Amino acid sequence: MKPAIAEILKKHTDSLMALPSVVGTAEGRYEGVPCVTVLVIELSDDLLGQLPNELEGYRVVVSESGEIKAL
């Protein structure tokens, strides 16, 4: 059985956030199936090459969000 996405995010968020342009991670859905969402300022081929396609059995979906600022 796969671990919960929350556990995967806890385990991998720091390493994902260390990549340039990554501003967040979240639980998401892709075609109705749970996935790991990686939020980036700007999507590039170089960044896509550094991100995994899946983490511990969950698809990784990259979403261009722009810069995120606290209100």
PDB file of N, CA and C in Angstrom:
ATOM      1  N   MET A   1       0.844  -1.197   0.000  1.00  0.00           N
ATOM      2  CA  MET A   1       0.000   0.000   0.000  1.00  0.00           C
ATOM      3  C   MET A   1       0.880   1.248   0.000  1.00  0.00           C
ATOM      4  N   LYS A   2       0.503   2.240  -0.822  1.00  0.00           N
ATOM      5  CA  LYS A   2       1.258   3.485  -0.905  1.00  0.00           C
ATOM      6  C   LYS A   2       1.048   4.311   0.368  1.00  0.00           C
ATOM      7  N   PRO A   3       2.087   5.050   0.766  1.00  0.00           N
ATOM      8  CA  PRO A   3       1.907   5.970   1.896  1.00  0.00           C
ATOM      9  C   PRO A   3       0.990   7.125   1.485  1.00  0.00           C
ATOM     10  N   ALA A   4       0.435   7.814   2.457  1.00  0.00           N
ATOM     11  CA  ALA A   4      -0.421   8.968   2.187  1.00  0.00           C
ATOM     12  C   ALA A   4       0.414  10.086   1.549  1.00  0.00           C
ATOM     13  N   ILE A   5      -0.225  10.878   0.699  1.00  0.00           N
ATOM     14  CA  ILE A   5       0.487  11.982   0.043  1.00  0.00           C
ATOM     15  C   ILE A   5       1.059  12.944   1.075  1.00  0.00           C
ATOM     16  N   ALA A   6       0.362  13.167   2.174  1.00  0.00           N
ATOM     17  CA  ALA A   6       0.870  14.070   3.216  1.00  0.00           C
ATOM     18  C   ALA A   6       2.232  13.587   3.726  1.00  0.00           C
ATOM     19  N   GLU A   7       2.403  12.286   3.868  1.00  0.00           N
ATOM     20  CA  GLU A   7       3.688  11.730   4.313  1.00  0.00           C
ATOM     21  C   GLU A   7       4.764  11.954   3.257  1.00  0.00           C
ATOM     22  N   ILE A   8       4.402  11.785   2.000  1.00  0.00           N
ATOM     23  CA  ILE A   8       5.351  11.971   0.906  1.00  0.00           C
ATOM     24  C   ILE A   8       5.773  13.434   0.824  1.00  0.00           C
ATOM     25  N   LEU A   9       4.814  14.347   0.975  1.00  0.00           N
ATOM     26  CA  LEU A   9       5.141  15.776   0.955  1.00  0.00           C
ATOM     27  C   LEU A   9       6.074  16.127   2.103  1.00  0.00           C
ATOM     28  N   LYS A  10       5.810  15.585   3.270  1.00  0.00           N
ATOM     29  CA  LYS A  10       6.654  15.855   4.442  1.00  0.00           C
ATOM     30  C   LYS A  10       8.081  15.382   4.177  1.00  0.00           C
ATOM     31  N   LYS A  11       8.208  14.260   3.527  1.00  0.00           N
ATOM     32  CA  LYS A  11       9.511  13.649   3.250  1.00  0.00           C
ATOM     33  C   LYS A  11      10.276  14.366   2.136  1.00  0.00           C
ATOM     34  N   HIS A  12       9.582  14.864   1.096  1.00  0.00           N
ATOM     35  CA  HIS A  12      10.253  15.372  -0.104  1.00  0.00           C
ATOM     36  C   HIS A  12      10.166  16.881  -0.325  1.00  0.00           C
ATOM     37  N   THR A  13       9.336  17.599   0.419  1.00  0.00           N
ATOM     38  CA  THR A  13       9.156  19.034   0.148  1.00  0.00           C
ATOM     39  C   THR A  13      10.453  19.818   0.252  1.00  0.00           C
ATOM     40  N   ASP A  14      11.271  19.567   1.263  1.00  0.00           N
ATOM     41  CA  ASP A  14      12.514  20.343   1.409  1.00  0.00           C
ATOM     42  C   ASP A  14      13.417  20.197   0.190  1.00  0.00           C
ATOM     43  N   SER A  15      13.562  18.974  -0.329  1.00  0.00           N
ATOM     44  CA  SER A  15      14.439  18.788  -1.492  1.00  0.00           C
ATOM     45  C   SER A  15      13.820  19.401  -2.754  1.00  0.00           C
ATOM     46  N   LEU A  16      12.509  19.349  -2.879  1.00  0.00           N
ATOM     47  CA  LEU A  16      11.851  19.981  -4.026  1.00  0.00           C
ATOM     48  C   LEU A  16      11.975  21.502  -3.948  1.00  0.00           C
ATOM     49  N   MET A  17      11.790  22.045  -2.756  1.00  0.00           N
ATOM     50  CA  MET A  17      11.863  23.499  -2.576  1.00  0.00           C
ATOM     51  C   MET A  17      13.274  24.033  -2.788  1.00  0.00           C
ATOM     52  N   ALA A  18      14.283  23.182  -2.710  1.00  0.00           N
ATOM     53  CA  ALA A  18      15.663  23.600  -2.934  1.00  0.00           C
ATOM     54  C   ALA A  18      15.944  23.865  -4.416  1.00  0.00           C
ATOM     55  N   LEU A  19      15.068  23.395  -5.292  1.00  0.00           N
ATOM     56  CA  LEU A  19      15.249  23.615  -6.723  1.00  0.00           C
ATOM     57  C   LEU A  19      14.847  25.048  -7.085  1.00  0.00           C
ATOM     58  N   PRO A  20      15.592  25.670  -8.002  1.00  0.00           N
ATOM     59  CA  PRO A  20      15.246  27.042  -8.385  1.00  0.00           C
ATOM     60  C   PRO A  20      13.850  27.106  -8.997  1.00  0.00           C
ATOM     61  N   SER A  21      13.113  28.135  -8.629  1.00  0.00           N
ATOM     62  CA  SER A  21      11.778  28.417  -9.154  1.00  0.00           C
ATOM     63  C   SER A  21      10.662  27.647  -8.459  1.00  0.00           C
ATOM     64  N   VAL A  22      10.972  26.632  -7.645  1.00  0.00           N
ATOM     65  CA  VAL A  22       9.916  25.916  -6.920  1.00  0.00           C
ATOM     66  C   VAL A  22       9.502  26.744  -5.715  1.00  0.00           C
ATOM     67  N   VAL A  23       8.186  27.014  -5.599  1.00  0.00           N
ATOM     68  CA  VAL A  23       7.684  27.864  -4.514  1.00  0.00           C
ATOM     69  C   VAL A  23       6.715  27.131  -3.591  1.00  0.00           C
ATOM     70  N   GLY A  24       6.400  25.883  -3.900  1.00  0.00           N
ATOM     71  CA  GLY A  24       5.498  25.154  -3.013  1.00  0.00           C
ATOM     72  C   GLY A  24       5.181  23.761  -3.510  1.00  0.00           C
ATOM     73  N   THR A  25       4.597  22.975  -2.610  1.00  0.00           N
ATOM     74  CA  THR A  25       4.105  21.636  -2.946  1.00  0.00           C
ATOM     75  C   THR A  25       2.723  21.487  -2.333  1.00  0.00           C
ATOM     76  N   ALA A  26       1.944  20.595  -2.899  1.00  0.00           N
ATOM     77  CA  ALA A  26       0.576  20.414  -2.394  1.00  0.00           C
ATOM     78  C   ALA A  26       0.037  19.056  -2.826  1.00  0.00           C
ATOM     79  N   GLU A  27      -1.014  18.638  -2.146  1.00  0.00           N
ATOM     80  CA  GLU A  27      -1.774  17.481  -2.603  1.00  0.00           C
ATOM     81  C   GLU A  27      -2.684  17.956  -3.721  1.00  0.00           C
ATOM     82  N   GLY A  28      -2.793  17.186  -4.767  1.00  0.00           N
ATOM     83  CA  GLY A  28      -3.642  17.570  -5.882  1.00  0.00           C
ATOM     84  C   GLY A  28      -4.339  16.363  -6.475  1.00  0.00           C
ATOM     85  N   ARG A  29      -4.983  16.591  -7.606  1.00  0.00           N
ATOM     86  CA  ARG A  29      -5.640  15.515  -8.340  1.00  0.00           C
ATOM     87  C   ARG A  29      -5.316  15.694  -9.812  1.00  0.00           C
ATOM     88  N   TYR A  30      -5.053  14.585 -10.474  1.00  0.00           N
ATOM     89  CA  TYR A  30      -4.811  14.580 -11.909  1.00  0.00           C
ATOM     90  C   TYR A  30      -5.696  13.505 -12.506  1.00  0.00           C
ATOM     91  N   GLU A  31      -6.602  13.913 -13.373  1.00  0.00           N
ATOM     92  CA  GLU A  31      -7.573  13.003 -13.974  1.00  0.00           C
ATOM     93  C   GLU A  31      -8.303  12.185 -12.902  1.00  0.00           C
ATOM     94  N   GLY A  32      -8.651  12.854 -11.796  1.00  0.00           N
ATOM     95  CA  GLY A  32      -9.413  12.229 -10.727  1.00  0.00           C
ATOM     96  C   GLY A  32      -8.616  11.379  -9.763  1.00  0.00           C
ATOM     97  N   VAL A  33      -7.300  11.292  -9.971  1.00  0.00           N
ATOM     98  CA  VAL A  33      -6.444  10.458  -9.126  1.00  0.00           C
ATOM     99  C   VAL A  33      -5.551  11.371  -8.275  1.00  0.00           C
ATOM    100  N   PRO A  34      -5.356  11.063  -6.985  1.00  0.00           N
ATOM    101  CA  PRO A  34      -4.471  11.878  -6.150  1.00  0.00           C
ATOM    102  C   PRO A  34      -3.063  11.971  -6.744  1.00  0.00           C
ATOM    103  N   CYS A  35      -2.463  13.155  -6.619  1.00  0.00           N
ATOM    104  CA  CYS A  35      -1.114  13.371  -7.132  1.00  0.00           C
ATOM    105  C   CYS A  35      -0.384  14.368  -6.240  1.00  0.00           C
ATOM    106  N   VAL A  36       0.913  14.488  -6.473  1.00  0.00           N
ATOM    107  CA  VAL A  36       1.736  15.494  -5.813  1.00  0.00           C
ATOM    108  C   VAL A  36       1.837  16.671  -6.782  1.00  0.00           C
ATOM    109  N   THR A  37       1.469  17.861  -6.331  1.00  0.00           N
ATOM    110  CA  THR A  37       1.563  19.057  -7.157  1.00  0.00           C
ATOM    111  C   THR A  37       2.781  19.866  -6.720  1.00  0.00           C
ATOM    112  N   VAL A  38       3.598  20.266  -7.681  1.00  0.00           N
ATOM    113  CA  VAL A  38       4.748  21.122  -7.425  1.00  0.00           C
ATOM    114  C   VAL A  38       4.460  22.463  -8.078  1.00  0.00           C
ATOM    115  N   LEU A  39       4.456  23.519  -7.276  1.00  0.00           N
ATOM    116  CA  LEU A  39       4.178  24.874  -7.759  1.00  0.00           C
ATOM    117  C   LEU A  39       5.494  25.570  -8.091  1.00  0.00           C
ATOM    118  N   VAL A  40       5.560  26.155  -9.287  1.00  0.00           N
ATOM    119  CA  VAL A  40       6.788  26.824  -9.727  1.00  0.00           C
ATOM    120  C   VAL A  40       6.475  28.240 -10.192  1.00  0.00           C
ATOM    121  N   ILE A  41       7.474  29.113 -10.072  1.00  0.00           N
ATOM    122  CA  ILE A  41       7.302  30.489 -10.538  1.00  0.00           C
ATOM    123  C   ILE A  41       7.146  30.497 -12.050  1.00  0.00           C
ATOM    124  N   GLU A  42       8.088  29.842 -12.713  1.00  0.00           N
ATOM    125  CA  GLU A  42       8.072  29.791 -14.172  1.00  0.00           C
ATOM    126  C   GLU A  42       8.574  28.427 -14.617  1.00  0.00           C
ATOM    127  N   LEU A  43       7.826  27.810 -15.497  1.00  0.00           N
ATOM    128  CA  LEU A  43       8.159  26.481 -15.988  1.00  0.00           C
ATOM    129  C   LEU A  43       9.218  26.575 -17.084  1.00  0.00           C
ATOM    130  N   SER A  44      10.236  25.722 -16.983  1.00  0.00           N
ATOM    131  CA  SER A  44      11.269  25.667 -18.023  1.00  0.00           C
ATOM    132  C   SER A  44      11.640  24.209 -18.265  1.00  0.00           C
ATOM    133  N   ASP A  45      12.212  23.943 -19.425  1.00  0.00           N
ATOM    134  CA  ASP A  45      12.655  22.585 -19.735  1.00  0.00           C
ATOM    135  C   ASP A  45      13.727  22.128 -18.754  1.00  0.00           C
ATOM    136  N   ASP A  46      14.619  23.053 -18.362  1.00  0.00           N
ATOM    137  CA  ASP A  46      15.677  22.718 -17.416  1.00  0.00           C
ATOM    138  C   ASP A  46      15.074  22.272 -16.077  1.00  0.00           C
ATOM    139  N   LEU A  47      14.095  23.017 -15.598  1.00  0.00           N
ATOM    140  CA  LEU A  47      13.453  22.659 -14.325  1.00  0.00           C
ATOM    141  C   LEU A  47      12.708  21.335 -14.446  1.00  0.00           C
ATOM    142  N   LEU A  48      11.986  21.149 -15.528  1.00  0.00           N
ATOM    143  CA  LEU A  48      11.269  19.884 -15.730  1.00  0.00           C
ATOM    144  C   LEU A  48      12.224  18.695 -15.694  1.00  0.00           C
ATOM    145  N   GLY A  49      13.437  18.892 -16.205  1.00  0.00           N
ATOM    146  CA  GLY A  49      14.429  17.828 -16.197  1.00  0.00           C
ATOM    147  C   GLY A  49      14.927  17.487 -14.808  1.00  0.00           C
ATOM    148  N   GLN A  50      14.762  18.409 -13.856  1.00  0.00           N
ATOM    149  CA  GLN A  50      15.222  18.189 -12.486  1.00  0.00           C
ATOM    150  C   GLN A  50      14.136  17.598 -11.587  1.00  0.00           C
ATOM    151  N   LEU A  51      12.883  17.692 -12.012  1.00  0.00           N
ATOM    152  CA  LEU A  51      11.771  17.209 -11.190  1.00  0.00           C
ATOM    153  C   LEU A  51      11.433  15.756 -11.532  1.00  0.00           C
ATOM    154  N   PRO A  52      11.067  14.979 -10.528  1.00  0.00           N
ATOM    155  CA  PRO A  52      10.688  13.586 -10.803  1.00  0.00           C
ATOM    156  C   PRO A  52       9.319  13.518 -11.474  1.00  0.00           C
ATOM    157  N   ASN A  53       9.077  12.455 -12.219  1.00  0.00           N
ATOM    158  CA  ASN A  53       7.758  12.230 -12.816  1.00  0.00           C
ATOM    159  C   ASN A  53       6.792  11.646 -11.802  1.00  0.00           C
ATOM    160  N   GLU A  54       7.346  10.965 -10.792  1.00  0.00           N
ATOM    161  CA  GLU A  54       6.520  10.408  -9.727  1.00  0.00           C
ATOM    162  C   GLU A  54       7.325  10.318  -8.447  1.00  0.00           C
ATOM    163  N   LEU A  55       6.608  10.320  -7.343  1.00  0.00           N
ATOM    164  CA  LEU A  55       7.201  10.153  -6.016  1.00  0.00           C
ATOM    165  C   LEU A  55       6.450   9.041  -5.303  1.00  0.00           C
ATOM    166  N   GLU A  56       7.155   7.991  -5.018  1.00  0.00           N
ATOM    167  CA  GLU A  56       6.614   6.865  -4.246  1.00  0.00           C
ATOM    168  C   GLU A  56       5.251   6.393  -4.757  1.00  0.00           C
ATOM    169  N   GLY A  57       5.143   6.327  -6.089  1.00  0.00           N
ATOM    170  CA  GLY A  57       3.934   5.793  -6.709  1.00  0.00           C
ATOM    171  C   GLY A  57       2.879   6.820  -7.077  1.00  0.00           C
ATOM    172  N   TYR A  58       3.090   8.089  -6.720  1.00  0.00           N
ATOM    173  CA  TYR A  58       2.142   9.154  -7.076  1.00  0.00           C
ATOM    174  C   TYR A  58       2.723   9.993  -8.201  1.00  0.00           C
ATOM    175  N   ARG A  59       1.908  10.314  -9.180  1.00  0.00           N
ATOM    176  CA  ARG A  59       2.317  11.184 -10.282  1.00  0.00           C
ATOM    177  C   ARG A  59       2.658  12.566  -9.725  1.00  0.00           C
ATOM    178  N   VAL A  60       3.676  13.200 -10.287  1.00  0.00           N
ATOM    179  CA  VAL A  60       4.035  14.575  -9.944  1.00  0.00           C
ATOM    180  C   VAL A  60       3.533  15.471 -11.067  1.00  0.00           C
ATOM    181  N   VAL A  61       2.719  16.457 -10.706  1.00  0.00           N
ATOM    182  CA  VAL A  61       2.169  17.424 -11.658  1.00  0.00           C
ATOM    183  C   VAL A  61       2.777  18.784 -11.339  1.00  0.00           C
ATOM    184  N   VAL A  62       3.333  19.430 -12.345  1.00  0.00           N
ATOM    185  CA  VAL A  62       3.957  20.742 -12.159  1.00  0.00           C
ATOM    186  C   VAL A  62       2.974  21.813 -12.606  1.00  0.00           C
ATOM    187  N   SER A  63       2.792  22.814 -11.742  1.00  0.00           N
ATOM    188  CA  SER A  63       1.848  23.891 -12.027  1.00  0.00           C
ATOM    189  C   SER A  63       2.569  25.232 -11.926  1.00  0.00           C
ATOM    190  N   GLU A  64       2.503  26.007 -13.000  1.00  0.00           N
ATOM    191  CA  GLU A  64       3.121  27.336 -12.998  1.00  0.00           C
ATOM    192  C   GLU A  64       2.193  28.296 -12.263  1.00  0.00           C
ATOM    193  N   SER A  65       2.649  28.781 -11.102  1.00  0.00           N
ATOM    194  CA  SER A  65       1.801  29.618 -10.259  1.00  0.00           C
ATOM    195  C   SER A  65       2.256  31.068 -10.206  1.00  0.00           C
ATOM    196  N   GLY A  66       3.462  31.328 -10.661  1.00  0.00           N
ATOM    197  CA  GLY A  66       4.042  32.650 -10.444  1.00  0.00           C
ATOM    198  C   GLY A  66       4.568  32.718  -9.030  1.00  0.00           C
ATOM    199  N   GLU A  67       5.055  33.869  -8.655  1.00  0.00           N
ATOM    200  CA  GLU A  67       5.612  34.040  -7.307  1.00  0.00           C
ATOM    201  C   GLU A  67       4.483  34.056  -6.286  1.00  0.00           C
ATOM    202  N   ILE A  68       4.699  33.406  -5.158  1.00  0.00           N
ATOM    203  CA  ILE A  68       3.700  33.361  -4.096  1.00  0.00           C
ATOM    204  C   ILE A  68       4.193  34.254  -2.953  1.00  0.00           C
ATOM    205  N   LYS A  69       3.335  35.169  -2.522  1.00  0.00           N
ATOM    206  CA  LYS A  69       3.679  36.089  -1.447  1.00  0.00           C
ATOM    207  C   LYS A  69       2.660  35.975  -0.328  1.00  0.00           C
ATOM    208  N   ALA A  70       3.141  36.043   0.911  1.00  0.00           N
ATOM    209  CA  ALA A  70       2.254  36.011   2.062  1.00  0.00           C
ATOM    210  C   ALA A  70       1.459  37.310   2.131  1.00  0.00           C
ATOM    211  N   LEU A  71       0.205  37.214   2.508  1.00  0.00           N
ATOM    212  CA  LEU A  71      -0.613  38.420   2.639  1.00  0.00           C
ATOM    213  C   LEU A  71      -0.546  38.972   4.024  1.00  0.00           C
TER     214      LEU A  71
END
